[in-house]
Amino acid sequence: MAVEKKSVKSILSLIIIVFITTSAIAQQEPLQAKSVIKLFKEYVNAGQYNLVCSLFAEKAKANFPPDRTVSFLEQLQGRYGHIKSTSFISVENSFTTYLADLDKGQVVIWIAVDSLSKINGLFVKPYQIIPAKVERNTSKLSLPFNGSWTVFWGGDTKALNLHNGVRFQQYAFDIVINGLDGRSYKTDGKSNTGSRWCCG
């Protein structure tokens, strides 16, 4: 049995190594994009926006005229500061994607570079971490009370959870504690002071 487990582990390890190697080979940073993103960073940090404009291919200059490009780059630098570093993420179609760390945040840069090392397309967007969709909450709960309780609001849809659209309360639960008689209050329920079964 131990020999079979070792064989299975060896085969799985080999499959994972082949998958990782294949993925790494398939996603190598194009040399033209690498050299252009380096110049882009250098020119933007130096405030030499006209030199950035000179990096665009003639066809692309129709979509990125110098006045609009300079205005965009001034806004980018005004909001985020200098580009500290760029990290290659992936290549998709003709666009190479980079994550750029700036003084005041991160942006994703999609850049299309032709064989002459000229920019054919450029798109910049603030970087946002998109949390993985959780099908089921896997948190182990330990509540500071015993007895019956009910989830009043809580779930992954607006119908089940009024707070679902609010990012910092998205996975919150509103819990109602029930007394022995099934009620959520001790007295007549008209007063909050000492009347409600609550925890918070």
C-alpha atoms as a PDB file:
ATOM      1  CA  MET A   1       0.000   0.000   0.000  1.00  0.00           C
ATOM      2  CA  ALA A   2       2.863   2.410   0.868  1.00  0.00           C
ATOM      3  CA  VAL A   3       4.486   1.716  -2.524  1.00  0.00           C
ATOM      4  CA  GLU A   4       1.221   2.610  -4.314  1.00  0.00           C
ATOM      5  CA  LYS A   5       0.937   5.895  -2.375  1.00  0.00           C
ATOM      6  CA  LYS A   6       4.530   6.802  -3.277  1.00  0.00           C
ATOM      7  CA  SER A   7       3.839   6.023  -6.950  1.00  0.00           C
ATOM      8  CA  VAL A   8       0.687   8.143  -6.941  1.00  0.00           C
ATOM      9  CA  LYS A   9       2.538  11.013  -5.222  1.00  0.00           C
ATOM     10  CA  SER A  10       5.397  10.756  -7.748  1.00  0.00           C
ATOM     11  CA  ILE A  11       3.002  10.802 -10.706  1.00  0.00           C
ATOM     12  CA  LEU A  12       1.051  13.757  -9.273  1.00  0.00           C
ATOM     13  CA  SER A  13       4.296  15.639  -8.619  1.00  0.00           C
ATOM     14  CA  LEU A  14       5.430  15.002 -12.185  1.00  0.00           C
ATOM     15  CA  ILE A  15       2.101  16.207 -13.602  1.00  0.00           C
ATOM     16  CA  ILE A  16       2.245  19.394 -11.501  1.00  0.00           C
ATOM     17  CA  ILE A  17       5.855  20.108 -12.561  1.00  0.00           C
ATOM     18  CA  VAL A  18       4.975  19.593 -16.245  1.00  0.00           C
ATOM     19  CA  PHE A  19       1.923  21.855 -15.885  1.00  0.00           C
ATOM     20  CA  ILE A  20       3.904  24.628 -14.178  1.00  0.00           C
ATOM     21  CA  THR A  21       6.748  24.391 -16.702  1.00  0.00           C
ATOM     22  CA  THR A  22       4.337  24.452 -19.646  1.00  0.00           C
ATOM     23  CA  SER A  23       2.503  27.458 -18.179  1.00  0.00           C
ATOM     24  CA  ALA A  24       5.761  29.311 -17.592  1.00  0.00           C
ATOM     25  CA  ILE A  25       6.960  28.663 -21.156  1.00  0.00           C
ATOM     26  CA  ALA A  26       3.616  29.747 -22.611  1.00  0.00           C
ATOM     27  CA  GLN A  27       3.687  33.028 -20.696  1.00  0.00           C
ATOM     28  CA  GLN A  28       7.108  34.505 -21.381  1.00  0.00           C
ATOM     29  CA  GLU A  29       7.358  38.275 -21.472  1.00  0.00           C
ATOM     30  CA  PRO A  30       7.795  39.511 -25.068  1.00  0.00           C
ATOM     31  CA  LEU A  31      11.114  41.330 -25.539  1.00  0.00           C
ATOM     32  CA  GLN A  32       9.522  44.290 -27.364  1.00  0.00           C
ATOM     33  CA  ALA A  33       6.981  44.816 -24.570  1.00  0.00           C
ATOM     34  CA  LYS A  34       9.726  44.506 -21.959  1.00  0.00           C
ATOM     35  CA  SER A  35      11.827  47.238 -23.571  1.00  0.00           C
ATOM     36  CA  VAL A  36       8.824  49.531 -24.180  1.00  0.00           C
ATOM     37  CA  ILE A  37       7.441  49.226 -20.622  1.00  0.00           C
ATOM     38  CA  LYS A  38      10.939  50.098 -19.331  1.00  0.00           C
ATOM     39  CA  LEU A  39      11.002  53.264 -21.487  1.00  0.00           C
ATOM     40  CA  PHE A  40       7.383  54.057 -20.550  1.00  0.00           C
ATOM     41  CA  LYS A  41       8.282  53.905 -16.845  1.00  0.00           C
ATOM     42  CA  GLU A  42      11.436  56.001 -17.352  1.00  0.00           C
ATOM     43  CA  TYR A  43       9.674  58.713 -19.387  1.00  0.00           C
ATOM     44  CA  VAL A  44       6.597  58.917 -17.125  1.00  0.00           C
ATOM     45  CA  ASN A  45       8.721  59.188 -13.969  1.00  0.00           C
ATOM     46  CA  ALA A  46      10.818  61.946 -15.572  1.00  0.00           C
ATOM     47  CA  GLY A  47       7.666  63.807 -16.673  1.00  0.00           C
ATOM     48  CA  GLN A  48       8.787  63.481 -20.308  1.00  0.00           C
ATOM     49  CA  TYR A  49       5.306  62.786 -21.623  1.00  0.00           C
ATOM     50  CA  ASN A  50       6.143  63.855 -25.183  1.00  0.00           C
ATOM     51  CA  LEU A  51       8.724  61.062 -25.296  1.00  0.00           C
ATOM     52  CA  VAL A  52       5.953  58.629 -24.280  1.00  0.00           C
ATOM     53  CA  CYS A  53       3.934  59.971 -27.235  1.00  0.00           C
ATOM     54  CA  SER A  54       6.884  59.189 -29.514  1.00  0.00           C
ATOM     55  CA  LEU A  55       6.595  55.512 -28.508  1.00  0.00           C
ATOM     56  CA  PHE A  56       3.207  55.186 -30.248  1.00  0.00           C
ATOM     57  CA  ALA A  57       2.874  53.715 -33.756  1.00  0.00           C
ATOM     58  CA  GLU A  58       1.514  56.117 -36.388  1.00  0.00           C
ATOM     59  CA  LYS A  59      -1.866  54.332 -36.549  1.00  0.00           C
ATOM     60  CA  ALA A  60      -2.190  54.459 -32.760  1.00  0.00           C
ATOM     61  CA  LYS A  61      -1.537  58.215 -32.649  1.00  0.00           C
ATOM     62  CA  ALA A  62      -5.028  58.761 -34.083  1.00  0.00           C
ATOM     63  CA  ASN A  63      -6.489  57.182 -30.921  1.00  0.00           C
ATOM     64  CA  PHE A  64      -3.788  58.594 -28.636  1.00  0.00           C
ATOM     65  CA  PRO A  65      -3.125  62.164 -29.828  1.00  0.00           C
ATOM     66  CA  PRO A  66      -0.341  63.918 -27.890  1.00  0.00           C
ATOM     67  CA  ASP A  67      -2.608  66.365 -26.041  1.00  0.00           C
ATOM     68  CA  ARG A  68      -4.891  63.597 -24.705  1.00  0.00           C
ATOM     69  CA  THR A  69      -1.952  61.318 -23.917  1.00  0.00           C
ATOM     70  CA  VAL A  70      -0.093  64.063 -22.007  1.00  0.00           C
ATOM     71  CA  SER A  71      -3.271  64.952 -20.086  1.00  0.00           C
ATOM     72  CA  PHE A  72      -3.868  61.289 -19.211  1.00  0.00           C
ATOM     73  CA  LEU A  73      -0.274  60.761 -18.038  1.00  0.00           C
ATOM     74  CA  GLU A  74      -0.361  63.941 -15.915  1.00  0.00           C
ATOM     75  CA  GLN A  75      -3.548  62.693 -14.238  1.00  0.00           C
ATOM     76  CA  LEU A  76      -2.062  59.236 -13.724  1.00  0.00           C
ATOM     77  CA  GLN A  77       1.075  60.608 -12.103  1.00  0.00           C
ATOM     78  CA  GLY A  78      -0.853  63.202 -10.100  1.00  0.00           C
ATOM     79  CA  ARG A  79      -3.098  60.519  -8.636  1.00  0.00           C
ATOM     80  CA  TYR A  80      -0.612  57.660  -8.151  1.00  0.00           C
ATOM     81  CA  GLY A  81       2.868  59.228  -8.190  1.00  0.00           C
ATOM     82  CA  HIS A  82       5.975  57.667  -9.709  1.00  0.00           C
ATOM     83  CA  ILE A  83       6.119  54.127 -11.064  1.00  0.00           C
ATOM     84  CA  LYS A  84       8.330  52.176  -8.666  1.00  0.00           C
ATOM     85  CA  SER A  85       8.234  48.858 -10.504  1.00  0.00           C
ATOM     86  CA  THR A  86       6.370  46.849 -13.120  1.00  0.00           C
ATOM     87  CA  SER A  87       5.784  43.101 -12.965  1.00  0.00           C
ATOM     88  CA  PHE A  88       4.895  41.005 -15.980  1.00  0.00           C
ATOM     89  CA  ILE A  89       1.599  39.159 -15.508  1.00  0.00           C
ATOM     90  CA  SER A  90       0.547  37.626 -18.809  1.00  0.00           C
ATOM     91  CA  VAL A  91       0.099  37.880 -22.561  1.00  0.00           C
ATOM     92  CA  GLU A  92      -3.356  37.718 -24.070  1.00  0.00           C
ATOM     93  CA  ASN A  93      -3.937  38.273 -27.775  1.00  0.00           C
ATOM     94  CA  SER A  94      -1.653  41.180 -28.655  1.00  0.00           C
ATOM     95  CA  PHE A  95      -1.661  42.751 -25.170  1.00  0.00           C
ATOM     96  CA  THR A  96       0.994  42.234 -22.512  1.00  0.00           C
ATOM     97  CA  THR A  97      -0.265  42.837 -18.981  1.00  0.00           C
ATOM     98  CA  TYR A  98       1.810  44.377 -16.182  1.00  0.00           C
ATOM     99  CA  LEU A  99       1.082  45.140 -12.557  1.00  0.00           C
ATOM    100  CA  ALA A 100       2.647  48.505 -11.752  1.00  0.00           C
ATOM    101  CA  ASP A 101       3.509  49.574  -8.203  1.00  0.00           C
ATOM    102  CA  LEU A 102       3.376  53.342  -7.807  1.00  0.00           C
ATOM    103  CA  ASP A 103       3.912  55.643  -4.828  1.00  0.00           C
ATOM    104  CA  LYS A 104       0.197  55.787  -4.003  1.00  0.00           C
ATOM    105  CA  GLY A 105      -1.200  52.490  -5.242  1.00  0.00           C
ATOM    106  CA  GLN A 106      -1.174  49.900  -7.973  1.00  0.00           C
ATOM    107  CA  VAL A 107      -2.477  49.899 -11.537  1.00  0.00           C
ATOM    108  CA  VAL A 108      -2.726  47.269 -14.230  1.00  0.00           C
ATOM    109  CA  ILE A 109      -1.207  48.263 -17.573  1.00  0.00           C
ATOM    110  CA  TRP A 110      -2.224  46.498 -20.776  1.00  0.00           C
ATOM    111  CA  ILE A 111       0.136  47.390 -23.604  1.00  0.00           C
ATOM    112  CA  ALA A 112       0.189  46.185 -27.211  1.00  0.00           C
ATOM    113  CA  VAL A 113       3.583  46.530 -28.893  1.00  0.00           C
ATOM    114  CA  ASP A 114       4.340  45.773 -32.543  1.00  0.00           C
ATOM    115  CA  SER A 115       7.453  44.165 -34.021  1.00  0.00           C
ATOM    116  CA  LEU A 116       9.068  47.627 -34.372  1.00  0.00           C
ATOM    117  CA  SER A 117       8.668  48.215 -30.597  1.00  0.00           C
ATOM    118  CA  LYS A 118       5.927  50.790 -31.126  1.00  0.00           C
ATOM    119  CA  ILE A 119       2.794  50.979 -28.969  1.00  0.00           C
ATOM    120  CA  ASN A 120      -0.420  49.985 -30.788  1.00  0.00           C
ATOM    121  CA  GLY A 121      -2.647  50.003 -27.718  1.00  0.00           C
ATOM    122  CA  LEU A 122      -2.509  51.125 -24.107  1.00  0.00           C
ATOM    123  CA  PHE A 123      -5.010  50.705 -21.282  1.00  0.00           C
ATOM    124  CA  VAL A 124      -4.447  51.518 -17.604  1.00  0.00           C
ATOM    125  CA  LYS A 125      -6.840  50.630 -14.804  1.00  0.00           C
ATOM    126  CA  PRO A 126      -6.598  50.776 -10.991  1.00  0.00           C
ATOM    127  CA  TYR A 127      -5.717  47.371  -9.579  1.00  0.00           C
ATOM    128  CA  GLN A 128      -8.450  45.767  -7.517  1.00  0.00           C
ATOM    129  CA  ILE A 129      -8.286  42.417  -5.823  1.00  0.00           C
ATOM    130  CA  ILE A 130     -11.370  40.475  -6.790  1.00  0.00           C
ATOM    131  CA  PRO A 131     -12.164  38.062  -4.020  1.00  0.00           C
ATOM    132  CA  ALA A 132     -12.855  34.506  -5.066  1.00  0.00           C
ATOM    133  CA  LYS A 133     -16.553  33.701  -5.046  1.00  0.00           C
ATOM    134  CA  VAL A 134     -17.259  31.688  -1.951  1.00  0.00           C
ATOM    135  CA  GLU A 135     -20.076  29.240  -2.531  1.00  0.00           C
ATOM    136  CA  ARG A 136     -20.399  28.494   1.153  1.00  0.00           C
ATOM    137  CA  ASN A 137     -19.066  30.290   4.190  1.00  0.00           C
ATOM    138  CA  THR A 138     -16.450  27.976   5.667  1.00  0.00           C
ATOM    139  CA  SER A 139     -15.816  29.964   8.863  1.00  0.00           C
ATOM    140  CA  LYS A 140     -16.166  27.996  12.074  1.00  0.00           C
ATOM    141  CA  LEU A 141     -18.395  30.048  14.330  1.00  0.00           C
ATOM    142  CA  SER A 142     -18.217  30.211  18.078  1.00  0.00           C
ATOM    143  CA  LEU A 143     -20.892  32.468  19.442  1.00  0.00           C
ATOM    144  CA  PRO A 144     -20.682  34.014  22.932  1.00  0.00           C
ATOM    145  CA  PHE A 145     -24.065  32.609  24.015  1.00  0.00           C
ATOM    146  CA  ASN A 146     -25.967  29.347  24.260  1.00  0.00           C
ATOM    147  CA  GLY A 147     -29.503  28.498  23.307  1.00  0.00           C
ATOM    148  CA  SER A 148     -31.692  29.136  20.285  1.00  0.00           C
ATOM    149  CA  TRP A 149     -30.767  31.754  17.754  1.00  0.00           C
ATOM    150  CA  THR A 150     -31.858  32.649  14.250  1.00  0.00           C
ATOM    151  CA  VAL A 151     -30.020  34.232  11.324  1.00  0.00           C
ATOM    152  CA  PHE A 152     -32.265  37.208  10.526  1.00  0.00           C
ATOM    153  CA  TRP A 153     -30.130  38.439   7.589  1.00  0.00           C
ATOM    154  CA  GLY A 154     -27.254  36.517   6.061  1.00  0.00           C
ATOM    155  CA  GLY A 155     -26.501  34.886   2.749  1.00  0.00           C
ATOM    156  CA  ASP A 156     -25.013  35.441  -0.677  1.00  0.00           C
ATOM    157  CA  THR A 157     -27.949  37.211  -2.354  1.00  0.00           C
ATOM    158  CA  LYS A 158     -29.705  40.522  -1.703  1.00  0.00           C
ATOM    159  CA  ALA A 159     -32.907  38.632  -0.821  1.00  0.00           C
ATOM    160  CA  LEU A 160     -31.149  36.729   1.976  1.00  0.00           C
ATOM    161  CA  ASN A 161     -28.773  39.475   3.090  1.00  0.00           C
ATOM    162  CA  LEU A 162     -29.704  43.155   2.990  1.00  0.00           C
ATOM    163  CA  HIS A 163     -25.988  43.995   3.358  1.00  0.00           C
ATOM    164  CA  ASN A 164     -24.867  41.877   0.385  1.00  0.00           C
ATOM    165  CA  GLY A 165     -24.072  44.884  -1.826  1.00  0.00           C
ATOM    166  CA  VAL A 166     -21.981  46.620   0.871  1.00  0.00           C
ATOM    167  CA  ARG A 167     -18.391  45.395   0.531  1.00  0.00           C
ATOM    168  CA  PHE A 168     -17.350  45.526   4.206  1.00  0.00           C
ATOM    169  CA  GLN A 169     -20.609  43.897   5.362  1.00  0.00           C
ATOM    170  CA  GLN A 170     -21.025  41.514   2.442  1.00  0.00           C
ATOM    171  CA  TYR A 171     -20.650  38.326   4.489  1.00  0.00           C
ATOM    172  CA  ALA A 172     -22.132  39.658   7.734  1.00  0.00           C
ATOM    173  CA  PHE A 173     -24.841  37.856   9.668  1.00  0.00           C
ATOM    174  CA  ASP A 174     -27.545  39.529  11.744  1.00  0.00           C
ATOM    175  CA  ILE A 175     -28.391  37.075  14.481  1.00  0.00           C
ATOM    176  CA  VAL A 176     -31.504  37.169  16.637  1.00  0.00           C
ATOM    177  CA  ILE A 177     -31.328  35.361  19.974  1.00  0.00           C
ATOM    178  CA  ASN A 178     -34.535  33.722  21.122  1.00  0.00           C
ATOM    179  CA  GLY A 179     -35.509  33.227  24.768  1.00  0.00           C
ATOM    180  CA  LEU A 180     -37.198  30.125  26.141  1.00  0.00           C
ATOM    181  CA  ASP A 181     -40.567  31.340  24.876  1.00  0.00           C
ATOM    182  CA  GLY A 182     -39.193  31.878  21.341  1.00  0.00           C
ATOM    183  CA  ARG A 183     -39.287  35.675  21.622  1.00  0.00           C
ATOM    184  CA  SER A 184     -36.285  37.944  21.002  1.00  0.00           C
ATOM    185  CA  TYR A 185     -37.092  40.153  23.993  1.00  0.00           C
ATOM    186  CA  LYS A 186     -37.614  39.692  27.746  1.00  0.00           C
ATOM    187  CA  THR A 187     -40.373  42.211  28.485  1.00  0.00           C
ATOM    188  CA  ASP A 188     -42.887  43.826  26.153  1.00  0.00           C
ATOM    189  CA  GLY A 189     -40.256  44.460  23.402  1.00  0.00           C
ATOM    190  CA  LYS A 190     -40.884  48.218  23.317  1.00  0.00           C
ATOM    191  CA  SER A 191     -37.653  49.214  25.026  1.00  0.00           C
ATOM    192  CA  ASN A 192     -34.052  48.461  24.068  1.00  0.00           C
ATOM    193  CA  THR A 193     -32.758  48.875  27.617  1.00  0.00           C
ATOM    194  CA  GLY A 194     -32.539  45.443  29.174  1.00  0.00           C
ATOM    195  CA  SER A 195     -35.421  44.193  27.064  1.00  0.00           C
ATOM    196  CA  ARG A 196     -33.726  42.580  24.077  1.00  0.00           C
ATOM    197  CA  TRP A 197     -31.781  39.358  23.932  1.00  0.00           C
ATOM    198  CA  CYS A 198     -28.744  40.629  22.085  1.00  0.00           C
ATOM    199  CA  CYS A 199     -25.027  40.324  21.638  1.00  0.00           C
ATOM    200  CA  GLY A 200     -22.833  42.807  19.866  1.00  0.00           C
END
